[in-house]
Amino acid sequence: MSDSSSNIWALVLAAGDGRRLRRLTTTRTGLAIPKQFCSLERGPSLMREALERAAGITERQRICTIVAAQHRQWWSEQLQDVAPDNIIVQPGNRGTANGVLLPLLIILERDPRARVVLLPSDHHVCDERQLVRALRCAAAPPQADPGDIVLLGLEPRSADTQLGYIVPRREAGRAYQRVERFVEKPDAAHAAALVYEGALWNTFIIAANAAALLQLYERRCPRVVAAMRGIIHSARGGPVIDEDLKERYQLLPELDFSRAILERQEQHLRVLPVPECGWSDLGTPARVAEAIDTLRRHGRAQNREADRASIGQTLLSLAAQHRRLHGAPSAPQ
């Protein structure tokens, strides 16, 4: 990695409960495994894939992961090769906005000049190289306004009501488009109209100067920022979390990052359209089944060890069961 990446940090978001896929990630004994610790076709877990994605844009010492305390039985083994200071433990789920704010403050204490890239750990990507090229552009954009928040957007394959949409201004000759509107999970009619209008899917992959992103938080929810600052403090060896964090954390309001932080802040947003890379947000059983079918068509599922122990077997077998019960997902239009 070049010296130009010396202030680039990657933050892998792996603290979600994965409720929408719970019926696919629950074992026969009734144990619900959060989807980020599962895999497709016995490959690496989705969280491990996100960590490798992050390694394509910065050094491993600047890759942090936000995980949940209640998921320790799954992440402790999978993160054995990650520096302890880079594993940030969230004591409870208070929404994605708080899940980003906690590690954002910690990264800023370690590097006030940090530029951070947010990487969800529930994505499947067929062409990782294509996505990493876009991530590198977003992480270190030429002549960018320091206050810009860069979103990665993709041409929609359908009018999906479970995804967010970005309406760009389509300025000729500009790679980074200004954002006209930002719409989170519209209804079916609105989603279809957005696709017709030329909107992009919001991948929730975001790059920004960490200080600028924090300023956006301070404009939208200053009391939450003040409360979070009171929860963490600095000590030798890096930020540590107070012992009473769980109790104090539960007092925070539950906030969604897109709705509470990004919506109605279009003047600070830019979108970088990403060429087709086979991206999928594995947020529904149909998308999981579609991703597995794609893997099989491309032969990626072949030559695996048949007896390999993998949490991903749960996701695979139950996704296959979903296809048998409900039919395969229709091909994208």
C-alpha atoms as a PDB file:
ATOM      1  CA  MET A   1       0.000   0.000   0.000  1.00  0.00           C
ATOM      2  CA  SER A   2       1.289   3.446  -0.905  1.00  0.00           C
ATOM      3  CA  ASP A   3       1.967   6.300   1.479  1.00  0.00           C
ATOM      4  CA  SER A   4      -1.167   8.032   0.141  1.00  0.00           C
ATOM      5  CA  SER A   5      -3.224   5.575   2.184  1.00  0.00           C
ATOM      6  CA  SER A   6      -1.564   6.496   5.499  1.00  0.00           C
ATOM      7  CA  ASN A   7      -4.725   8.163   6.818  1.00  0.00           C
ATOM      8  CA  ILE A   8      -7.263   5.814   5.242  1.00  0.00           C
ATOM      9  CA  TRP A   9      -9.144   3.677   7.752  1.00  0.00           C
ATOM     10  CA  ALA A  10     -11.661   0.960   6.985  1.00  0.00           C
ATOM     11  CA  LEU A  11     -14.495   0.197   9.371  1.00  0.00           C
ATOM     12  CA  VAL A  12     -16.210  -3.169   8.931  1.00  0.00           C
ATOM     13  CA  LEU A  13     -19.741  -3.044  10.331  1.00  0.00           C
ATOM     14  CA  ALA A  14     -20.451  -6.436  11.919  1.00  0.00           C
ATOM     15  CA  ALA A  15     -22.626  -5.742  14.970  1.00  0.00           C
ATOM     16  CA  GLY A  16     -26.087  -6.287  13.467  1.00  0.00           C
ATOM     17  CA  ASP A  17     -28.511  -8.924  14.722  1.00  0.00           C
ATOM     18  CA  GLY A  18     -29.487 -10.146  11.227  1.00  0.00           C
ATOM     19  CA  ARG A  19     -33.178 -10.402  12.078  1.00  0.00           C
ATOM     20  CA  ARG A  20     -34.395 -10.406   8.457  1.00  0.00           C
ATOM     21  CA  LEU A  21     -32.493 -13.615   7.680  1.00  0.00           C
ATOM     22  CA  ARG A  22     -33.023 -15.308  11.003  1.00  0.00           C
ATOM     23  CA  ARG A  23     -35.059 -18.164   9.563  1.00  0.00           C
ATOM     24  CA  LEU A  24     -32.184 -18.923   7.187  1.00  0.00           C
ATOM     25  CA  THR A  25     -29.443 -18.723   9.801  1.00  0.00           C
ATOM     26  CA  THR A  26     -31.097 -20.651  12.632  1.00  0.00           C
ATOM     27  CA  THR A  27     -29.756 -24.134  13.258  1.00  0.00           C
ATOM     28  CA  ARG A  28     -31.901 -27.211  13.768  1.00  0.00           C
ATOM     29  CA  THR A  29     -31.361 -26.785  17.495  1.00  0.00           C
ATOM     30  CA  GLY A  30     -32.835 -23.277  17.373  1.00  0.00           C
ATOM     31  CA  LEU A  31     -29.576 -21.317  17.608  1.00  0.00           C
ATOM     32  CA  ALA A  32     -29.831 -18.080  15.600  1.00  0.00           C
ATOM     33  CA  ILE A  33     -26.469 -17.149  14.039  1.00  0.00           C
ATOM     34  CA  PRO A  34     -26.106 -13.527  12.858  1.00  0.00           C
ATOM     35  CA  LYS A  35     -25.673 -13.564   9.081  1.00  0.00           C
ATOM     36  CA  GLN A  36     -22.280 -11.795   9.079  1.00  0.00           C
ATOM     37  CA  PHE A  37     -20.743 -14.894  10.667  1.00  0.00           C
ATOM     38  CA  CYS A  38     -22.281 -17.185   8.047  1.00  0.00           C
ATOM     39  CA  SER A  39     -20.960 -17.907   4.582  1.00  0.00           C
ATOM     40  CA  LEU A  40     -22.173 -18.874   1.142  1.00  0.00           C
ATOM     41  CA  GLU A  41     -21.312 -22.354  -0.134  1.00  0.00           C
ATOM     42  CA  ARG A  42     -18.855 -23.010   2.732  1.00  0.00           C
ATOM     43  CA  GLY A  43     -16.630 -20.086   1.810  1.00  0.00           C
ATOM     44  CA  PRO A  44     -15.294 -17.453   4.219  1.00  0.00           C
ATOM     45  CA  SER A  45     -17.859 -15.764   6.423  1.00  0.00           C
ATOM     46  CA  LEU A  46     -19.382 -12.533   5.148  1.00  0.00           C
ATOM     47  CA  MET A  47     -17.457 -10.649   7.837  1.00  0.00           C
ATOM     48  CA  ARG A  48     -14.158 -12.195   6.722  1.00  0.00           C
ATOM     49  CA  GLU A  49     -14.937 -11.265   3.121  1.00  0.00           C
ATOM     50  CA  ALA A  50     -15.532  -7.657   4.223  1.00  0.00           C
ATOM     51  CA  LEU A  51     -12.199  -7.657   6.076  1.00  0.00           C
ATOM     52  CA  GLU A  52     -10.425  -8.830   2.920  1.00  0.00           C
ATOM     53  CA  ARG A  53     -12.251  -6.111   0.964  1.00  0.00           C
ATOM     54  CA  ALA A  54     -10.912  -3.580   3.438  1.00  0.00           C
ATOM     55  CA  ALA A  55      -7.373  -4.906   2.990  1.00  0.00           C
ATOM     56  CA  GLY A  56      -7.599  -3.828  -0.644  1.00  0.00           C
ATOM     57  CA  ILE A  57      -7.674  -0.152   0.332  1.00  0.00           C
ATOM     58  CA  THR A  58      -5.554   0.241   3.458  1.00  0.00           C
ATOM     59  CA  GLU A  59      -3.056  -1.443   5.770  1.00  0.00           C
ATOM     60  CA  ARG A  60      -4.402  -4.026   8.201  1.00  0.00           C
ATOM     61  CA  GLN A  61      -3.417  -1.938  11.230  1.00  0.00           C
ATOM     62  CA  ARG A  62      -6.001   0.614  10.082  1.00  0.00           C
ATOM     63  CA  ILE A  63      -8.852  -1.868   9.647  1.00  0.00           C
ATOM     64  CA  CYS A  64     -11.324  -1.763  12.539  1.00  0.00           C
ATOM     65  CA  THR A  65     -14.385  -3.897  13.144  1.00  0.00           C
ATOM     66  CA  ILE A  66     -17.452  -3.032  15.190  1.00  0.00           C
ATOM     67  CA  VAL A  67     -19.000  -6.151  16.729  1.00  0.00           C
ATOM     68  CA  ALA A  68     -21.619  -6.849  19.396  1.00  0.00           C
ATOM     69  CA  ALA A  69     -20.843  -8.097  22.880  1.00  0.00           C
ATOM     70  CA  GLN A  70     -23.619 -10.710  22.687  1.00  0.00           C
ATOM     71  CA  HIS A  71     -22.032 -12.234  19.551  1.00  0.00           C
ATOM     72  CA  ARG A  72     -18.652 -12.938  21.157  1.00  0.00           C
ATOM     73  CA  GLN A  73     -18.958 -16.709  20.662  1.00  0.00           C
ATOM     74  CA  TRP A  74     -18.830 -16.161  16.881  1.00  0.00           C
ATOM     75  CA  TRP A  75     -16.489 -13.221  16.364  1.00  0.00           C
ATOM     76  CA  SER A  76     -13.825 -14.076  18.954  1.00  0.00           C
ATOM     77  CA  GLU A  77     -12.503 -16.967  16.872  1.00  0.00           C
ATOM     78  CA  GLN A  78     -12.966 -15.299  13.488  1.00  0.00           C
ATOM     79  CA  LEU A  79     -11.060 -12.188  14.611  1.00  0.00           C
ATOM     80  CA  GLN A  80      -8.064 -13.903  16.204  1.00  0.00           C
ATOM     81  CA  ASP A  81      -5.736 -12.311  13.636  1.00  0.00           C
ATOM     82  CA  VAL A  82      -7.082  -8.776  14.235  1.00  0.00           C
ATOM     83  CA  ALA A  83      -5.341  -6.492  16.732  1.00  0.00           C
ATOM     84  CA  PRO A  84      -7.418  -6.200  19.938  1.00  0.00           C
ATOM     85  CA  ASP A  85      -7.376  -2.390  19.721  1.00  0.00           C
ATOM     86  CA  ASN A  86      -9.065  -2.678  16.311  1.00  0.00           C
ATOM     87  CA  ILE A  87     -11.973  -4.761  17.617  1.00  0.00           C
ATOM     88  CA  ILE A  88     -14.581  -2.334  18.941  1.00  0.00           C
ATOM     89  CA  VAL A  89     -17.282  -4.021  20.997  1.00  0.00           C
ATOM     90  CA  GLN A  90     -20.769  -2.557  21.019  1.00  0.00           C
ATOM     91  CA  PRO A  91     -22.626  -3.508  24.221  1.00  0.00           C
ATOM     92  CA  GLY A  92     -26.086  -3.441  22.653  1.00  0.00           C
ATOM     93  CA  ASN A  93     -27.927  -2.634  19.447  1.00  0.00           C
ATOM     94  CA  ARG A  94     -29.087   0.991  19.416  1.00  0.00           C
ATOM     95  CA  GLY A  95     -29.355   1.325  15.650  1.00  0.00           C
ATOM     96  CA  THR A  96     -26.846   1.755  12.859  1.00  0.00           C
ATOM     97  CA  ALA A  97     -26.207   5.452  13.592  1.00  0.00           C
ATOM     98  CA  ASN A  98     -24.838   4.649  17.052  1.00  0.00           C
ATOM     99  CA  GLY A  99     -23.066   1.600  15.631  1.00  0.00           C
ATOM    100  CA  VAL A 100     -21.065   3.924  13.366  1.00  0.00           C
ATOM    101  CA  LEU A 101     -20.624   6.776  15.845  1.00  0.00           C
ATOM    102  CA  LEU A 102     -18.907   4.685  18.544  1.00  0.00           C
ATOM    103  CA  PRO A 103     -16.013   3.481  16.342  1.00  0.00           C
ATOM    104  CA  LEU A 104     -15.884   6.824  14.510  1.00  0.00           C
ATOM    105  CA  LEU A 105     -15.018   8.631  17.737  1.00  0.00           C
ATOM    106  CA  ILE A 106     -12.436   5.987  18.622  1.00  0.00           C
ATOM    107  CA  ILE A 107     -10.759   6.202  15.204  1.00  0.00           C
ATOM    108  CA  LEU A 108     -10.651  10.010  15.459  1.00  0.00           C
ATOM    109  CA  GLU A 109      -8.916   9.786  18.832  1.00  0.00           C
ATOM    110  CA  ARG A 110      -6.257   7.603  17.217  1.00  0.00           C
ATOM    111  CA  ASP A 111      -5.968   9.627  14.008  1.00  0.00           C
ATOM    112  CA  PRO A 112      -7.585  13.100  13.844  1.00  0.00           C
ATOM    113  CA  ARG A 113      -6.832  13.248  10.096  1.00  0.00           C
ATOM    114  CA  ALA A 114      -8.465   9.902   9.347  1.00  0.00           C
ATOM    115  CA  ARG A 115     -10.494   9.285   6.236  1.00  0.00           C
ATOM    116  CA  VAL A 116     -12.848   6.395   6.921  1.00  0.00           C
ATOM    117  CA  VAL A 117     -14.554   3.901   4.625  1.00  0.00           C
ATOM    118  CA  LEU A 118     -17.633   2.139   6.012  1.00  0.00           C
ATOM    119  CA  LEU A 119     -17.984  -1.464   4.830  1.00  0.00           C
ATOM    120  CA  PRO A 120     -21.097  -3.465   5.779  1.00  0.00           C
ATOM    121  CA  SER A 121     -20.466  -7.156   6.385  1.00  0.00           C
ATOM    122  CA  ASP A 122     -23.649  -8.497   4.794  1.00  0.00           C
ATOM    123  CA  HIS A 123     -22.711  -7.940   1.141  1.00  0.00           C
ATOM    124  CA  HIS A 124     -21.938 -10.443  -1.582  1.00  0.00           C
ATOM    125  CA  VAL A 125     -19.837  -9.303  -4.548  1.00  0.00           C
ATOM    126  CA  CYS A 126     -19.028 -11.358  -7.648  1.00  0.00           C
ATOM    127  CA  ASP A 127     -16.277  -9.081  -8.979  1.00  0.00           C
ATOM    128  CA  GLU A 128     -14.299  -7.958  -5.948  1.00  0.00           C
ATOM    129  CA  ARG A 129     -11.610  -6.287  -8.067  1.00  0.00           C
ATOM    130  CA  GLN A 130     -14.162  -3.986  -9.667  1.00  0.00           C
ATOM    131  CA  LEU A 131     -15.532  -2.954  -6.293  1.00  0.00           C
ATOM    132  CA  VAL A 132     -12.071  -2.441  -4.767  1.00  0.00           C
ATOM    133  CA  ARG A 133     -11.145  -0.111  -7.635  1.00  0.00           C
ATOM    134  CA  ALA A 134     -14.202   1.988  -6.804  1.00  0.00           C
ATOM    135  CA  LEU A 135     -13.380   1.864  -3.092  1.00  0.00           C
ATOM    136  CA  ARG A 136      -9.892   3.191  -3.754  1.00  0.00           C
ATOM    137  CA  CYS A 137     -11.334   6.093  -5.764  1.00  0.00           C
ATOM    138  CA  ALA A 138     -13.805   6.914  -2.986  1.00  0.00           C
ATOM    139  CA  ALA A 139     -11.193   6.546  -0.244  1.00  0.00           C
ATOM    140  CA  ALA A 140      -8.801   9.043  -1.833  1.00  0.00           C
ATOM    141  CA  PRO A 141     -10.819  11.167  -4.287  1.00  0.00           C
ATOM    142  CA  PRO A 142      -8.805  13.750  -6.246  1.00  0.00           C
ATOM    143  CA  GLN A 143      -9.598  17.394  -5.434  1.00  0.00           C
ATOM    144  CA  ALA A 144     -12.476  16.431  -3.142  1.00  0.00           C
ATOM    145  CA  ASP A 145     -14.153  18.904  -0.848  1.00  0.00           C
ATOM    146  CA  PRO A 146     -13.085  17.886   2.689  1.00  0.00           C
ATOM    147  CA  GLY A 147     -16.718  18.043   3.781  1.00  0.00           C
ATOM    148  CA  ASP A 148     -18.051  15.688   1.116  1.00  0.00           C
ATOM    149  CA  ILE A 149     -19.614  12.385   2.144  1.00  0.00           C
ATOM    150  CA  VAL A 150     -19.125   9.965  -0.781  1.00  0.00           C
ATOM    151  CA  LEU A 151     -21.708   7.209  -1.285  1.00  0.00           C
ATOM    152  CA  LEU A 152     -21.167   4.292  -3.643  1.00  0.00           C
ATOM    153  CA  GLY A 153     -24.152   3.749  -5.927  1.00  0.00           C
ATOM    154  CA  LEU A 154     -25.095   1.003  -8.395  1.00  0.00           C
ATOM    155  CA  GLU A 155     -27.441   0.841 -11.371  1.00  0.00           C
ATOM    156  CA  PRO A 156     -30.599  -0.910 -10.088  1.00  0.00           C
ATOM    157  CA  ARG A 157     -31.482  -4.359 -11.409  1.00  0.00           C
ATOM    158  CA  SER A 158     -35.036  -3.995 -10.093  1.00  0.00           C
ATOM    159  CA  ALA A 159     -37.300  -1.650  -8.115  1.00  0.00           C
ATOM    160  CA  ASP A 160     -36.328  -3.157  -4.771  1.00  0.00           C
ATOM    161  CA  THR A 161     -38.260  -1.712  -1.820  1.00  0.00           C
ATOM    162  CA  GLN A 162     -35.723  -2.967   0.743  1.00  0.00           C
ATOM    163  CA  LEU A 163     -32.875  -0.761  -0.482  1.00  0.00           C
ATOM    164  CA  GLY A 164     -32.133   2.951  -0.380  1.00  0.00           C
ATOM    165  CA  TYR A 165     -31.937   5.092  -3.530  1.00  0.00           C
ATOM    166  CA  ILE A 166     -29.730   7.996  -4.551  1.00  0.00           C
ATOM    167  CA  VAL A 167     -30.901  10.439  -7.220  1.00  0.00           C
ATOM    168  CA  PRO A 168     -27.770  12.036  -8.762  1.00  0.00           C
ATOM    169  CA  ARG A 169     -27.678  15.328 -10.638  1.00  0.00           C
ATOM    170  CA  ARG A 170     -25.830  13.658 -13.543  1.00  0.00           C
ATOM    171  CA  GLU A 171     -23.289  16.407 -14.130  1.00  0.00           C
ATOM    172  CA  ALA A 172     -21.424  15.724 -17.373  1.00  0.00           C
ATOM    173  CA  GLY A 173     -17.727  14.976 -17.028  1.00  0.00           C
ATOM    174  CA  ARG A 174     -17.834  14.476 -13.267  1.00  0.00           C
ATOM    175  CA  ALA A 175     -17.084  11.103 -11.667  1.00  0.00           C
ATOM    176  CA  TYR A 176     -18.528  12.239  -8.338  1.00  0.00           C
ATOM    177  CA  GLN A 177     -22.122  13.386  -8.833  1.00  0.00           C
ATOM    178  CA  ARG A 178     -23.926  15.763  -6.524  1.00  0.00           C
ATOM    179  CA  VAL A 179     -26.916  14.170  -4.804  1.00  0.00           C
ATOM    180  CA  GLU A 180     -30.324  15.552  -5.686  1.00  0.00           C
ATOM    181  CA  ARG A 181     -32.292  13.315  -3.331  1.00  0.00           C
ATOM    182  CA  PHE A 182     -31.647  10.503  -0.915  1.00  0.00           C
ATOM    183  CA  VAL A 183     -34.576   8.109  -0.344  1.00  0.00           C
ATOM    184  CA  GLU A 184     -34.503   5.236   2.136  1.00  0.00           C
ATOM    185  CA  LYS A 185     -36.612   2.110   1.372  1.00  0.00           C
ATOM    186  CA  PRO A 186     -39.478   3.599  -0.690  1.00  0.00           C
ATOM    187  CA  ASP A 187     -42.713   1.760  -1.419  1.00  0.00           C
ATOM    188  CA  ALA A 188     -43.057  -0.197  -4.675  1.00  0.00           C
ATOM    189  CA  ALA A 189     -44.539   2.627  -6.747  1.00  0.00           C
ATOM    190  CA  HIS A 190     -41.993   5.140  -5.528  1.00  0.00           C
ATOM    191  CA  ALA A 191     -39.110   2.694  -6.109  1.00  0.00           C
ATOM    192  CA  ALA A 192     -40.255   2.104  -9.699  1.00  0.00           C
ATOM    193  CA  ALA A 193     -40.443   5.866 -10.295  1.00  0.00           C
ATOM    194  CA  LEU A 194     -36.954   6.329  -8.860  1.00  0.00           C
ATOM    195  CA  VAL A 195     -35.508   3.653 -11.140  1.00  0.00           C
ATOM    196  CA  TYR A 196     -37.203   5.304 -14.146  1.00  0.00           C
ATOM    197  CA  GLU A 197     -35.746   8.629 -13.049  1.00  0.00           C
ATOM    198  CA  GLY A 198     -32.220   7.201 -13.071  1.00  0.00           C
ATOM    199  CA  ALA A 199     -31.677   6.725  -9.357  1.00  0.00           C
ATOM    200  CA  LEU A 200     -28.916   4.438  -8.088  1.00  0.00           C
ATOM    201  CA  TRP A 201     -29.094   1.805  -5.421  1.00  0.00           C
ATOM    202  CA  ASN A 202     -27.439   2.947  -2.203  1.00  0.00           C
ATOM    203  CA  THR A 203     -24.895   0.290  -1.193  1.00  0.00           C
ATOM    204  CA  PHE A 204     -24.358   1.844   2.268  1.00  0.00           C
ATOM    205  CA  ILE A 205     -20.650   1.839   1.432  1.00  0.00           C
ATOM    206  CA  ILE A 206     -19.505   5.319   2.441  1.00  0.00           C
ATOM    207  CA  ALA A 207     -16.191   7.188   2.388  1.00  0.00           C
ATOM    208  CA  ALA A 208     -15.585  10.463   4.188  1.00  0.00           C
ATOM    209  CA  ASN A 209     -13.169  12.456   6.257  1.00  0.00           C
ATOM    210  CA  ALA A 210     -13.928  11.171   9.736  1.00  0.00           C
ATOM    211  CA  ALA A 211     -14.078  14.715  11.145  1.00  0.00           C
ATOM    212  CA  ALA A 212     -16.562  15.785   8.446  1.00  0.00           C
ATOM    213  CA  LEU A 213     -18.759  12.770   9.156  1.00  0.00           C
ATOM    214  CA  LEU A 214     -18.674  13.599  12.851  1.00  0.00           C
ATOM    215  CA  GLN A 215     -19.733  17.191  12.040  1.00  0.00           C
ATOM    216  CA  LEU A 216     -22.753  15.757  10.232  1.00  0.00           C
ATOM    217  CA  TYR A 217     -23.627  13.844  13.400  1.00  0.00           C
ATOM    218  CA  GLU A 218     -23.190  16.971  15.505  1.00  0.00           C
ATOM    219  CA  ARG A 219     -25.601  18.885  13.281  1.00  0.00           C
ATOM    220  CA  ARG A 220     -28.244  16.166  13.371  1.00  0.00           C
ATOM    221  CA  CYS A 221     -27.982  14.725  16.890  1.00  0.00           C
ATOM    222  CA  PRO A 222     -25.613  16.752  19.096  1.00  0.00           C
ATOM    223  CA  ARG A 223     -26.928  15.267  22.335  1.00  0.00           C
ATOM    224  CA  VAL A 224     -26.197  11.747  21.148  1.00  0.00           C
ATOM    225  CA  VAL A 225     -22.630  12.744  20.225  1.00  0.00           C
ATOM    226  CA  ALA A 226     -22.148  14.322  23.654  1.00  0.00           C
ATOM    227  CA  ALA A 227     -23.510  11.201  25.358  1.00  0.00           C
ATOM    228  CA  MET A 228     -21.262   8.926  23.311  1.00  0.00           C
ATOM    229  CA  ARG A 229     -18.222  11.054  24.125  1.00  0.00           C
ATOM    230  CA  GLY A 230     -19.064  10.537  27.779  1.00  0.00           C
ATOM    231  CA  ILE A 231     -19.166   6.778  27.281  1.00  0.00           C
ATOM    232  CA  ILE A 232     -15.652   6.396  25.898  1.00  0.00           C
ATOM    233  CA  HIS A 233     -12.368   7.867  27.126  1.00  0.00           C
ATOM    234  CA  SER A 234      -8.685   7.650  26.199  1.00  0.00           C
ATOM    235  CA  ALA A 235      -6.101   5.610  28.071  1.00  0.00           C
ATOM    236  CA  ARG A 236      -2.599   4.353  27.384  1.00  0.00           C
ATOM    237  CA  GLY A 237      -2.703   1.950  24.455  1.00  0.00           C
ATOM    238  CA  GLY A 238      -5.786   3.567  22.927  1.00  0.00           C
ATOM    239  CA  PRO A 239      -9.422   4.229  23.743  1.00  0.00           C
ATOM    240  CA  VAL A 240     -11.098   1.889  26.186  1.00  0.00           C
ATOM    241  CA  ILE A 241     -14.743   1.427  27.116  1.00  0.00           C
ATOM    242  CA  ASP A 242     -16.027   2.171  30.611  1.00  0.00           C
ATOM    243  CA  GLU A 243     -17.269  -0.787  32.637  1.00  0.00           C
ATOM    244  CA  ASP A 244     -20.710   0.795  32.907  1.00  0.00           C
ATOM    245  CA  LEU A 245     -20.959   1.132  29.104  1.00  0.00           C
ATOM    246  CA  LYS A 246     -23.850  -1.282  28.708  1.00  0.00           C
ATOM    247  CA  GLU A 247     -26.134   0.608  31.067  1.00  0.00           C
ATOM    248  CA  ARG A 248     -25.240   4.006  29.619  1.00  0.00           C
ATOM    249  CA  TYR A 249     -25.382   2.742  26.044  1.00  0.00           C
ATOM    250  CA  GLN A 250     -28.935   1.525  26.492  1.00  0.00           C
ATOM    251  CA  LEU A 251     -29.981   5.095  27.355  1.00  0.00           C
ATOM    252  CA  LEU A 252     -29.061   6.264  23.840  1.00  0.00           C
ATOM    253  CA  PRO A 253     -31.990   6.711  21.446  1.00  0.00           C
ATOM    254  CA  GLU A 254     -32.182   4.046  18.743  1.00  0.00           C
ATOM    255  CA  LEU A 255     -31.207   5.740  15.458  1.00  0.00           C
ATOM    256  CA  ASP A 256     -30.973   4.564  11.865  1.00  0.00           C
ATOM    257  CA  PHE A 257     -27.904   5.975  10.090  1.00  0.00           C
ATOM    258  CA  SER A 258     -29.585   6.660   6.755  1.00  0.00           C
ATOM    259  CA  ARG A 259     -32.703   8.312   8.160  1.00  0.00           C
ATOM    260  CA  ALA A 260     -31.173  10.100  11.143  1.00  0.00           C
ATOM    261  CA  ILE A 261     -27.867  11.223   9.597  1.00  0.00           C
ATOM    262  CA  LEU A 262     -28.032  11.287   5.784  1.00  0.00           C
ATOM    263  CA  GLU A 263     -31.592  12.164   4.825  1.00  0.00           C
ATOM    264  CA  ARG A 264     -32.134  15.888   4.098  1.00  0.00           C
ATOM    265  CA  GLN A 265     -28.360  16.433   4.042  1.00  0.00           C
ATOM    266  CA  GLU A 266     -27.991  16.198   0.265  1.00  0.00           C
ATOM    267  CA  GLN A 267     -25.785  19.301   0.087  1.00  0.00           C
ATOM    268  CA  HIS A 268     -23.038  17.330   1.843  1.00  0.00           C
ATOM    269  CA  LEU A 269     -23.430  14.138  -0.212  1.00  0.00           C
ATOM    270  CA  ARG A 270     -21.734  12.943  -3.391  1.00  0.00           C
ATOM    271  CA  VAL A 271     -22.298   9.651  -5.186  1.00  0.00           C
ATOM    272  CA  LEU A 272     -19.730   7.630  -7.093  1.00  0.00           C
ATOM    273  CA  PRO A 273     -21.441   5.284  -9.595  1.00  0.00           C
ATOM    274  CA  VAL A 274     -19.837   1.828  -9.509  1.00  0.00           C
ATOM    275  CA  PRO A 275     -19.662  -0.337 -12.648  1.00  0.00           C
ATOM    276  CA  GLU A 276     -21.582  -3.596 -12.451  1.00  0.00           C
ATOM    277  CA  CYS A 277     -19.751  -5.889 -10.037  1.00  0.00           C
ATOM    278  CA  GLY A 278     -22.413  -8.406  -9.042  1.00  0.00           C
ATOM    279  CA  TRP A 279     -23.143  -6.641  -5.755  1.00  0.00           C
ATOM    280  CA  SER A 280     -25.948  -7.855  -3.533  1.00  0.00           C
ATOM    281  CA  ASP A 281     -27.174  -6.839  -0.108  1.00  0.00           C
ATOM    282  CA  LEU A 282     -28.015 -10.208   1.448  1.00  0.00           C
ATOM    283  CA  GLY A 283     -31.000  -8.774   3.260  1.00  0.00           C
ATOM    284  CA  THR A 284     -33.735 -11.152   2.111  1.00  0.00           C
ATOM    285  CA  PRO A 285     -33.998 -14.935   1.561  1.00  0.00           C
ATOM    286  CA  ALA A 286     -34.591 -14.341  -2.154  1.00  0.00           C
ATOM    287  CA  ARG A 287     -31.316 -12.429  -2.482  1.00  0.00           C
ATOM    288  CA  VAL A 288     -29.436 -15.164  -0.641  1.00  0.00           C
ATOM    289  CA  ALA A 289     -30.855 -17.791  -3.007  1.00  0.00           C
ATOM    290  CA  GLU A 290     -29.979 -15.616  -6.001  1.00  0.00           C
ATOM    291  CA  ALA A 291     -26.392 -15.176  -4.768  1.00  0.00           C
ATOM    292  CA  ILE A 292     -25.956 -18.929  -4.271  1.00  0.00           C
ATOM    293  CA  ASP A 293     -27.325 -19.624  -7.746  1.00  0.00           C
ATOM    294  CA  THR A 294     -24.845 -17.094  -9.170  1.00  0.00           C
ATOM    295  CA  LEU A 295     -21.947 -18.741  -7.335  1.00  0.00           C
ATOM    296  CA  ARG A 296     -22.911 -22.126  -8.742  1.00  0.00           C
ATOM    297  CA  ARG A 297     -23.232 -20.811 -12.286  1.00  0.00           C
ATOM    298  CA  HIS A 298     -19.737 -19.336 -12.044  1.00  0.00           C
ATOM    299  CA  GLY A 299     -18.289 -22.528 -10.614  1.00  0.00           C
ATOM    300  CA  ARG A 300     -17.059 -20.870  -7.427  1.00  0.00           C
ATOM    301  CA  ALA A 301     -18.789 -23.508  -5.324  1.00  0.00           C
ATOM    302  CA  GLN A 302     -16.769 -26.364  -6.880  1.00  0.00           C
ATOM    303  CA  ASN A 303     -13.666 -28.009  -5.441  1.00  0.00           C
ATOM    304  CA  ARG A 304     -14.564 -27.263  -1.810  1.00  0.00           C
ATOM    305  CA  GLU A 305     -13.763 -29.807   0.890  1.00  0.00           C
ATOM    306  CA  ALA A 306     -16.950 -31.776   1.286  1.00  0.00           C
ATOM    307  CA  ASP A 307     -16.570 -32.283   5.015  1.00  0.00           C
ATOM    308  CA  ARG A 308     -15.405 -28.767   5.904  1.00  0.00           C
ATOM    309  CA  ALA A 309     -17.062 -27.559   9.123  1.00  0.00           C
ATOM    310  CA  SER A 310     -18.691 -24.216   8.375  1.00  0.00           C
ATOM    311  CA  ILE A 311     -21.382 -22.073   9.868  1.00  0.00           C
ATOM    312  CA  GLY A 312     -22.212 -21.266   6.264  1.00  0.00           C
ATOM    313  CA  GLN A 313     -23.766 -24.715   5.864  1.00  0.00           C
ATOM    314  CA  THR A 314     -26.724 -23.334   7.789  1.00  0.00           C
ATOM    315  CA  LEU A 315     -27.177 -20.456   5.379  1.00  0.00           C
ATOM    316  CA  LEU A 316     -26.737 -22.733   2.376  1.00  0.00           C
ATOM    317  CA  SER A 317     -29.103 -25.498   3.437  1.00  0.00           C
ATOM    318  CA  LEU A 318     -31.838 -23.180   4.619  1.00  0.00           C
ATOM    319  CA  ALA A 319     -31.557 -20.991   1.530  1.00  0.00           C
ATOM    320  CA  ALA A 320     -31.983 -24.100  -0.587  1.00  0.00           C
ATOM    321  CA  GLN A 321     -34.999 -25.019   1.527  1.00  0.00           C
ATOM    322  CA  HIS A 322     -36.433 -21.547   0.892  1.00  0.00           C
ATOM    323  CA  ARG A 323     -36.118 -22.144  -2.858  1.00  0.00           C
ATOM    324  CA  ARG A 324     -37.933 -25.480  -2.589  1.00  0.00           C
ATOM    325  CA  LEU A 325     -40.774 -23.976  -0.580  1.00  0.00           C
ATOM    326  CA  HIS A 326     -41.171 -20.677  -2.406  1.00  0.00           C
ATOM    327  CA  GLY A 327     -39.528 -21.157  -5.767  1.00  0.00           C
ATOM    328  CA  ALA A 328     -36.301 -19.664  -7.076  1.00  0.00           C
ATOM    329  CA  PRO A 329     -36.131 -15.865  -7.258  1.00  0.00           C
ATOM    330  CA  SER A 330     -37.063 -14.440 -10.596  1.00  0.00           C
ATOM    331  CA  ALA A 331     -34.283 -13.231 -12.861  1.00  0.00           C
ATOM    332  CA  PRO A 332     -33.527  -9.508 -12.620  1.00  0.00           C
ATOM    333  CA  GLN A 333     -35.385  -7.421 -15.139  1.00  0.00           C
END
